[in-house]
C-alpha cells in the first residue's frame, strides 16, 4: 500500500469533468484506488463516489493505492491531480 497527500488545484474542485478524468485514470490499474477526505473514504474508480466527496479547490486528499501495480498507479494519479485533471 502506498499513500500520498495531494492538494486539489482545480478552480471548481472535483466537479464532473475532473472527477471523470480521475476515474478514467484510476480504472487503468488493477490496484484498489481510494482517497480519504473530511473523515470519509471514497472509491476513486467511481464517479459518483468522487462527486459525493464534495472536494473543493485547495482541499487536501490522501490518495491510497493498494495492489499489484500500486506504485505505477500512484505516480500516474498523483501526476494527473497535480496537472489539474485535464482542466
Protein backbone atom coordinates (compact mmCIF):
# COMPACT_ATOMS: atom_id res chain seq x y z
CA UNK A 1 0.00 0.00 0.00
CA UNK A 2 1.24 3.47 -0.90
CA UNK A 3 -0.34 6.78 0.05
CA UNK A 4 0.28 10.42 -0.68
CA UNK A 5 -1.34 13.69 0.40
CA UNK A 6 -2.27 15.91 -2.54
CA UNK A 7 -3.88 19.33 -2.86
CA UNK A 8 -6.67 19.80 -5.39
CA UNK A 9 -5.82 22.76 -7.63
CA UNK A 10 -8.84 22.76 -9.96
CA UNK A 11 -10.66 26.11 -9.55
CA UNK A 12 -14.03 24.35 -9.26
CA UNK A 13 -12.75 21.35 -7.28
CA UNK A 14 -13.64 17.81 -8.34
CA UNK A 15 -16.78 18.53 -10.35
CA UNK A 16 -17.99 16.20 -13.12
CA UNK A 17 -15.24 16.61 -15.74
CA UNK A 18 -12.18 16.29 -13.46
CA UNK A 19 -13.93 13.56 -11.44
CA UNK A 20 -14.48 11.62 -14.67
CA UNK A 21 -10.85 12.13 -15.68
CA UNK A 22 -9.68 10.90 -12.27
CA UNK A 23 -11.90 7.80 -12.56
CA UNK A 24 -10.74 7.05 -16.11
CA UNK A 25 -7.10 7.22 -14.99
CA UNK A 26 -7.74 5.09 -11.87
CA UNK A 27 -9.55 2.41 -13.90
CA UNK A 28 -6.39 1.75 -15.93
CA UNK A 29 -4.90 -0.04 -12.91
CA UNK A 30 -5.76 -3.26 -11.12
CA UNK A 31 -4.98 -1.78 -7.71
CA UNK A 32 -7.66 -0.59 -5.34
CA UNK A 33 -7.57 3.22 -5.56
CA UNK A 34 -9.26 5.23 -2.82
CA UNK A 35 -8.85 8.62 -1.21
CA UNK A 36 -9.64 9.97 2.22
CA UNK A 37 -11.22 13.37 2.70
CA UNK A 38 -13.09 15.02 5.56
CA UNK A 39 -13.33 11.82 7.57
CA UNK A 40 -14.61 9.64 4.70
CA UNK A 41 -13.04 7.17 2.30
CA UNK A 42 -14.03 7.31 -1.36
CA UNK A 43 -13.55 5.00 -4.34
CA UNK A 44 -11.51 6.82 -7.00
CA UNK A 45 -12.87 4.45 -9.67
CA UNK A 46 -16.47 5.61 -9.12
CA UNK A 47 -17.57 9.00 -10.49
CA UNK A 48 -20.48 9.09 -8.02
CA UNK A 49 -18.16 8.39 -5.11
CA UNK A 50 -15.71 11.12 -6.20
CA UNK A 51 -18.53 13.64 -6.71
CA UNK A 52 -20.04 12.67 -3.35
CA UNK A 53 -16.82 13.66 -1.59
CA UNK A 54 -17.51 17.35 -2.45
CA UNK A 55 -13.81 18.18 -2.78
CA UNK A 56 -13.19 21.88 -3.45
CA UNK A 57 -10.18 23.85 -4.70
CA UNK A 58 -7.43 23.93 -2.08
CA UNK A 59 -8.67 20.83 -0.22
CA UNK A 60 -6.17 18.11 0.63
CA UNK A 61 -6.93 14.45 -0.03
CA UNK A 62 -4.93 11.38 0.92
CA UNK A 63 -4.69 9.14 -2.14
CA UNK A 64 -4.17 5.42 -1.40
CA UNK A 65 -3.26 2.73 -3.93
CA UNK A 66 -3.14 -0.93 -2.89
CA UNK A 67 -2.38 -3.84 -5.20
CA UNK A 68 -0.03 -5.30 -7.78
CA UNK A 69 0.55 -2.07 -9.70
CA UNK A 70 0.17 0.34 -6.77
CA UNK A 71 3.38 2.31 -7.36
CA UNK A 72 2.65 2.84 -11.05
CA UNK A 73 -0.94 3.85 -10.25
CA UNK A 74 0.20 6.32 -7.57
CA UNK A 75 2.68 8.01 -9.90
CA UNK A 76 0.13 8.38 -12.71
CA UNK A 77 -2.74 9.56 -10.49
CA UNK A 78 -0.62 11.98 -8.46
CA UNK A 79 0.71 13.44 -11.72
CA UNK A 80 -2.81 13.78 -13.13
CA UNK A 81 -4.05 15.52 -9.97
CA UNK A 82 -1.08 17.90 -9.91
CA UNK A 83 -1.66 18.79 -13.56
CA UNK A 84 -5.29 19.72 -12.89
CA UNK A 85 -7.04 16.59 -14.26
CA UNK A 86 -7.43 17.99 -17.76
CA UNK A 87 -8.56 21.49 -16.86
